[in-house]
Amino acid sequence: MGRLSGKVAIITGGGSGMGAACTELFVKEGAKVVTTGRHPEKMESIVADFNADGRYDDDILIMRQDVSKEEDWIEVAAETEKRFGKIDILVNNAGILDSVPYDRIDYDNWKRVMDINGWGQMLGYKTIVPYMKKIGGGTIVVVSSMAAANSGGGLTAYCASKGASDALSRAASVHLAQYNIRTNCILPGTIETPMLKNAFPDEASYKAMTETQLLKRVGTSMEIAYLALYLASDESGFTNGISVIVDGGIHNSPATVVADE
């Protein structure tokens, strides 16, 4: 416990999956956390589950945010500094899944996915980095996807957006190092989240997907959150510009299934 004591973190996409797991783990490890998403009621329910006794009431702020809107980022950053005094950590996690194949995709579909998964993360850098510069450094953890590293089936715009997310992280790691701001990226494989359940809604398809996994199970959101915790903490102080695959080893297999977040 206490691996993030004294730190202030913003975590996007806190309403489910990996963002929710990061919110719980980070606050339990001593951070002050601003968790954001488009549906505050979901985040309130999640926080209530692990904060039933109210011990973290002063450590968590829930805010509505559409990451594709710059005004929302500006509001979140300003309120975080007002409430907790600074910003040390950004977990750029929010994203959406898309499964429209190449021959049916249109511009509106492409733009919607890119606005959230790509531009939304870019706005995170643009808005939060000045706050980190003011305090002499910080760390940014990007949640991308294994879809950035393999075909991802028919996930056309999704693959492109996650590739952008991964590439942005590497580029930022070079530019921001001079300000003592580290940026690292996580590439999750198949993780147990509401998004995964939507992708494999019936028992038969879910079982078939699970059988393709080398470990014969999918990962958990908390397994991703623990890596995010390490990358956000001072323990990883000399770790910068990496992309870490967390997929149970399936990237070494020719039969790869990608469905995360």
Protein backbone atom coordinates (compact mmCIF):
# COMPACT_ATOMS: atom_id res chain seq x y z
CA MET A 1 0.00 0.00 0.00
CA GLY A 2 1.05 3.61 -0.48
CA ARG A 3 2.84 3.22 -3.82
CA LEU A 4 1.19 6.44 -5.04
CA SER A 5 1.14 8.38 -1.78
CA GLY A 6 1.23 12.11 -2.42
CA LYS A 7 0.30 11.74 -6.10
CA VAL A 8 -2.71 13.16 -7.92
CA ALA A 9 -4.06 11.19 -10.89
CA ILE A 10 -6.62 11.76 -13.62
CA ILE A 11 -8.08 8.53 -15.03
CA THR A 12 -10.32 8.71 -18.09
CA GLY A 13 -12.90 6.08 -18.93
CA GLY A 14 -13.52 5.37 -15.27
CA GLY A 15 -17.05 4.07 -15.75
CA SER A 16 -16.10 0.47 -16.48
CA GLY A 17 -13.35 -2.02 -17.19
CA MET A 18 -9.74 -0.97 -16.90
CA GLY A 19 -10.50 2.64 -15.98
CA ALA A 20 -12.65 1.49 -13.08
CA ALA A 21 -9.94 -0.93 -11.93
CA CYS A 22 -7.28 1.80 -12.10
CA THR A 23 -9.49 4.14 -10.09
CA GLU A 24 -9.92 1.60 -7.29
CA LEU A 25 -6.28 0.50 -7.23
CA PHE A 26 -4.76 3.97 -7.44
CA VAL A 27 -6.83 5.39 -4.60
CA LYS A 28 -6.09 2.36 -2.44
CA GLU A 29 -2.39 2.94 -3.13
CA GLY A 30 -2.59 6.47 -1.76
CA ALA A 31 -3.37 8.68 -4.76
CA LYS A 32 -5.94 11.41 -4.99
CA VAL A 33 -7.95 10.41 -8.06
CA VAL A 34 -10.16 12.28 -10.49
CA THR A 35 -12.04 9.65 -12.45
CA THR A 36 -13.91 10.76 -15.55
CA GLY A 37 -16.37 9.41 -18.08
CA ARG A 38 -19.53 10.13 -20.01
CA HIS A 39 -21.77 8.45 -17.42
CA PRO A 40 -21.04 9.70 -13.87
CA GLU A 41 -23.73 7.43 -12.42
CA LYS A 42 -21.70 4.37 -13.46
CA MET A 43 -18.61 5.74 -11.75
CA GLU A 44 -20.58 6.56 -8.63
CA SER A 45 -21.80 2.96 -8.45
CA ILE A 46 -18.29 1.60 -8.94
CA VAL A 47 -16.82 3.86 -6.28
CA ALA A 48 -19.62 2.97 -3.87
CA ASP A 49 -18.72 -0.71 -4.18
CA PHE A 50 -15.14 -0.29 -2.89
CA ASN A 51 -15.79 2.78 -0.75
CA ALA A 52 -18.81 1.60 1.21
CA ASP A 53 -17.32 2.82 4.48
CA GLY A 54 -16.54 6.26 3.03
CA ARG A 55 -12.83 6.12 3.82
CA TYR A 56 -11.91 7.50 0.38
CA ASP A 57 -14.54 10.24 0.23
CA ASP A 58 -11.91 12.97 0.31
CA ASP A 59 -9.65 11.20 -2.17
CA ILE A 60 -11.94 10.73 -5.20
CA LEU A 61 -13.59 13.24 -7.49
CA ILE A 62 -16.01 12.01 -10.16
CA MET A 63 -16.43 14.21 -13.24
CA ARG A 64 -18.37 13.91 -16.46
CA GLN A 65 -16.09 14.13 -19.50
CA ASP A 66 -16.25 13.54 -23.23
CA VAL A 67 -12.56 13.14 -24.04
CA SER A 68 -13.08 14.28 -27.63
CA LYS A 69 -14.08 17.76 -26.42
CA GLU A 70 -11.29 20.16 -25.49
CA GLU A 71 -13.53 22.20 -23.20
CA ASP A 72 -14.17 19.09 -21.09
CA TRP A 73 -10.43 18.49 -20.71
CA ILE A 74 -9.87 22.10 -19.68
CA GLU A 75 -12.59 21.83 -17.04
CA VAL A 76 -11.27 18.52 -15.68
CA ALA A 77 -7.70 19.82 -15.41
CA ALA A 78 -8.72 23.07 -13.71
CA GLU A 79 -11.00 21.31 -11.24
CA THR A 80 -8.33 18.73 -10.42
CA GLU A 81 -5.80 21.42 -9.58
CA LYS A 82 -8.39 23.37 -7.60
CA ARG A 83 -9.40 20.31 -5.58
CA PHE A 84 -6.04 18.57 -5.10
CA GLY A 85 -3.42 21.23 -5.91
CA LYS A 86 -1.58 19.57 -8.81
CA ILE A 87 -1.58 16.81 -11.45
CA ASP A 88 1.13 14.12 -11.33
CA ILE A 89 -0.43 11.30 -13.36
CA LEU A 90 -2.64 10.93 -16.38
CA VAL A 91 -4.08 7.57 -17.37
CA ASN A 92 -5.24 8.09 -20.96
CA ASN A 93 -7.65 5.16 -21.00
CA ALA A 94 -11.04 6.16 -22.43
CA GLY A 95 -11.96 4.54 -25.73
CA ILE A 96 -14.67 2.87 -27.76
CA LEU A 97 -14.81 -0.34 -29.79
CA ASP A 98 -15.84 -0.43 -33.42
CA SER A 99 -16.38 -3.41 -35.69
CA VAL A 100 -17.39 -1.95 -39.06
CA PRO A 101 -15.27 -3.70 -41.76
CA TYR A 102 -13.33 -2.04 -44.58
CA ASP A 103 -16.04 -2.39 -47.23
CA ARG A 104 -18.77 -0.76 -45.12
CA ILE A 105 -17.02 1.94 -43.14
CA ASP A 106 -17.88 5.58 -43.87
CA TYR A 107 -16.35 8.89 -42.80
CA ASP A 108 -18.78 9.50 -39.96
CA ASN A 109 -17.92 6.13 -38.44
CA TRP A 110 -14.19 6.70 -38.92
CA LYS A 111 -14.32 10.18 -37.42
CA ARG A 112 -16.30 9.08 -34.36
CA VAL A 113 -13.76 6.41 -33.44
CA MET A 114 -10.75 8.60 -34.19
CA ASP A 115 -12.18 11.55 -32.26
CA ILE A 116 -12.46 9.50 -29.07
CA ASN A 117 -9.59 7.01 -29.31
CA GLY A 118 -7.06 9.24 -31.06
CA TRP A 119 -7.89 12.92 -30.70
CA GLY A 120 -9.22 12.31 -27.18
CA GLN A 121 -5.80 11.07 -26.07
CA MET A 122 -4.01 13.88 -27.91
CA LEU A 123 -6.12 16.39 -26.00
CA GLY A 124 -4.98 14.67 -22.81
CA TYR A 125 -1.35 15.43 -23.61
CA LYS A 126 -2.14 18.96 -24.77
CA THR A 127 -4.15 19.86 -21.68
CA ILE A 128 -2.36 18.05 -18.86
CA VAL A 129 1.31 18.44 -19.80
CA PRO A 130 1.41 22.16 -18.85
CA TYR A 131 0.22 21.23 -15.35
CA MET A 132 2.97 18.62 -15.07
CA LYS A 133 5.59 21.10 -16.23
CA LYS A 134 4.57 23.43 -13.40
CA ILE A 135 5.50 20.83 -10.79
CA GLY A 136 8.65 19.60 -12.53
CA GLY A 137 7.43 16.34 -14.06
CA GLY A 138 4.83 13.63 -14.22
CA THR A 139 3.89 10.39 -15.88
CA ILE A 140 1.37 9.51 -18.57
CA VAL A 141 0.08 5.97 -18.95
CA VAL A 142 -1.64 5.27 -22.25
CA VAL A 143 -4.03 2.35 -22.66
CA SER A 144 -3.98 1.29 -26.29
CA SER A 145 -4.68 -2.24 -27.55
CA MET A 146 -3.08 -5.27 -29.15
CA ALA A 147 -5.08 -4.11 -32.18
CA ALA A 148 -2.22 -1.62 -32.64
CA ALA A 149 0.18 -4.50 -33.20
CA ASN A 150 -1.84 -7.03 -35.19
CA SER A 151 -4.73 -7.17 -37.64
CA GLY A 152 -7.56 -7.15 -35.12
CA GLY A 153 -9.88 -8.85 -37.59
CA GLY A 154 -12.46 -6.44 -39.03
CA LEU A 155 -11.87 -3.69 -36.47
CA THR A 156 -10.91 -1.17 -39.14
CA ALA A 157 -11.15 2.27 -37.53
CA TYR A 158 -10.47 0.78 -34.10
CA CYS A 159 -7.13 -0.69 -35.22
CA ALA A 160 -6.14 2.61 -36.82
CA SER A 161 -7.09 4.60 -33.72
CA LYS A 162 -5.19 2.30 -31.38
CA GLY A 163 -2.17 2.43 -33.67
CA ALA A 164 -2.33 6.21 -33.38
CA SER A 165 -2.57 5.92 -29.60
CA ASP A 166 0.55 3.74 -29.43
CA ALA A 167 2.51 5.96 -31.83
CA LEU A 168 1.51 9.12 -29.98
CA SER A 169 2.85 7.64 -26.77
CA ARG A 170 6.24 6.89 -28.30
CA ALA A 171 6.48 10.34 -29.87
CA ALA A 172 5.50 12.01 -26.61
CA SER A 173 8.10 10.03 -24.67
CA VAL A 174 10.86 11.63 -26.75
CA HIS A 175 9.55 15.18 -26.66
CA LEU A 176 8.44 15.24 -23.02
CA ALA A 177 11.49 13.61 -21.44
CA GLN A 178 13.21 17.01 -21.27
CA TYR A 179 10.47 18.07 -18.84
CA ASN A 180 10.83 14.95 -16.68
CA ILE A 181 7.50 13.66 -18.00
CA ARG A 182 7.49 9.95 -18.81
CA THR A 183 5.03 8.33 -21.22
CA ASN A 184 4.45 4.59 -21.53
CA CYS A 185 1.82 2.52 -23.29
CA ILE A 186 -0.07 -0.66 -22.43
CA LEU A 187 -1.32 -2.96 -25.20
CA PRO A 188 -3.99 -5.18 -23.61
CA GLY A 189 -5.15 -8.32 -25.34
CA THR A 190 -8.49 -9.91 -24.53
CA ILE A 191 -9.62 -8.49 -21.19
CA GLU A 192 -12.79 -9.25 -19.21
CA THR A 193 -14.78 -6.02 -19.54
CA PRO A 194 -18.30 -4.95 -20.54
CA MET A 195 -16.93 -4.21 -24.01
CA LEU A 196 -15.72 -7.80 -24.33
CA LYS A 197 -19.12 -9.12 -23.29
CA ASN A 198 -20.75 -6.99 -25.96
CA ALA A 199 -18.36 -8.41 -28.55
CA PHE A 200 -19.10 -12.01 -27.48
CA PRO A 201 -22.67 -11.83 -26.13
CA ASP A 202 -23.59 -15.53 -26.15
CA GLU A 203 -22.01 -18.39 -24.24
CA ALA A 204 -20.92 -20.32 -27.33
CA SER A 205 -19.01 -17.43 -28.92
CA TYR A 206 -17.46 -16.48 -25.58
CA LYS A 207 -16.28 -20.04 -24.98
CA ALA A 208 -14.85 -20.31 -28.49
CA MET A 209 -12.96 -17.06 -27.99
CA THR A 210 -11.61 -18.22 -24.64
CA GLU A 211 -10.32 -21.44 -26.20
CA THR A 212 -8.12 -19.43 -28.55
CA GLN A 213 -6.27 -17.93 -25.57
CA LEU A 214 -2.97 -19.60 -24.68
CA LEU A 215 -3.82 -19.53 -20.98
CA LYS A 216 -7.40 -20.65 -21.71
CA ARG A 217 -8.80 -17.58 -20.01
CA VAL A 218 -9.03 -13.87 -20.66
CA GLY A 219 -7.23 -11.25 -18.62
CA THR A 220 -8.79 -9.16 -15.88
CA SER A 221 -9.04 -5.39 -15.71
CA MET A 222 -7.14 -5.45 -12.43
CA GLU A 223 -4.20 -7.20 -14.13
CA ILE A 224 -3.97 -4.20 -16.45
CA ALA A 225 -4.42 -1.79 -13.56
CA TYR A 226 -1.43 -3.25 -11.71
CA LEU A 227 0.80 -2.56 -14.70
CA ALA A 228 -0.63 0.95 -14.94
CA LEU A 229 0.15 1.38 -11.23
CA TYR A 230 3.80 0.42 -11.79
CA LEU A 231 4.16 2.74 -14.78
CA ALA A 232 2.51 5.60 -12.87
CA SER A 233 4.66 5.17 -9.76
CA ASP A 234 8.20 6.22 -8.98
CA GLU A 235 9.18 2.54 -9.16
CA SER A 236 9.32 2.91 -12.95
CA GLY A 237 11.34 6.12 -12.84
CA PHE A 238 13.73 5.05 -15.62
CA THR A 239 11.02 3.47 -17.79
CA ASN A 240 10.03 5.70 -20.69
CA GLY A 241 8.70 5.19 -24.21
CA ILE A 242 7.81 1.51 -23.99
CA SER A 243 4.74 -0.36 -25.19
CA VAL A 244 3.98 -3.38 -23.02
CA ILE A 245 1.94 -6.26 -24.41
CA VAL A 246 -0.38 -7.87 -21.85
CA ASP A 247 -2.19 -10.70 -23.63
CA GLY A 248 -1.21 -13.97 -21.99
CA GLY A 249 1.32 -14.61 -24.74
CA ILE A 250 -1.13 -14.85 -27.61
CA HIS A 251 0.87 -12.38 -29.71
CA ASN A 252 3.26 -15.31 -30.30
CA SER A 253 0.45 -17.40 -31.73
CA PRO A 254 -0.74 -17.27 -35.38
CA ALA A 255 -4.38 -17.42 -34.22
CA THR A 256 -4.88 -14.13 -32.41
CA VAL A 257 -8.17 -12.75 -31.20
CA VAL A 258 -8.31 -9.10 -30.19
CA ALA A 259 -11.18 -7.68 -28.17
CA ASP A 260 -10.29 -5.48 -25.24
CA GLU A 261 -11.41 -2.72 -22.89
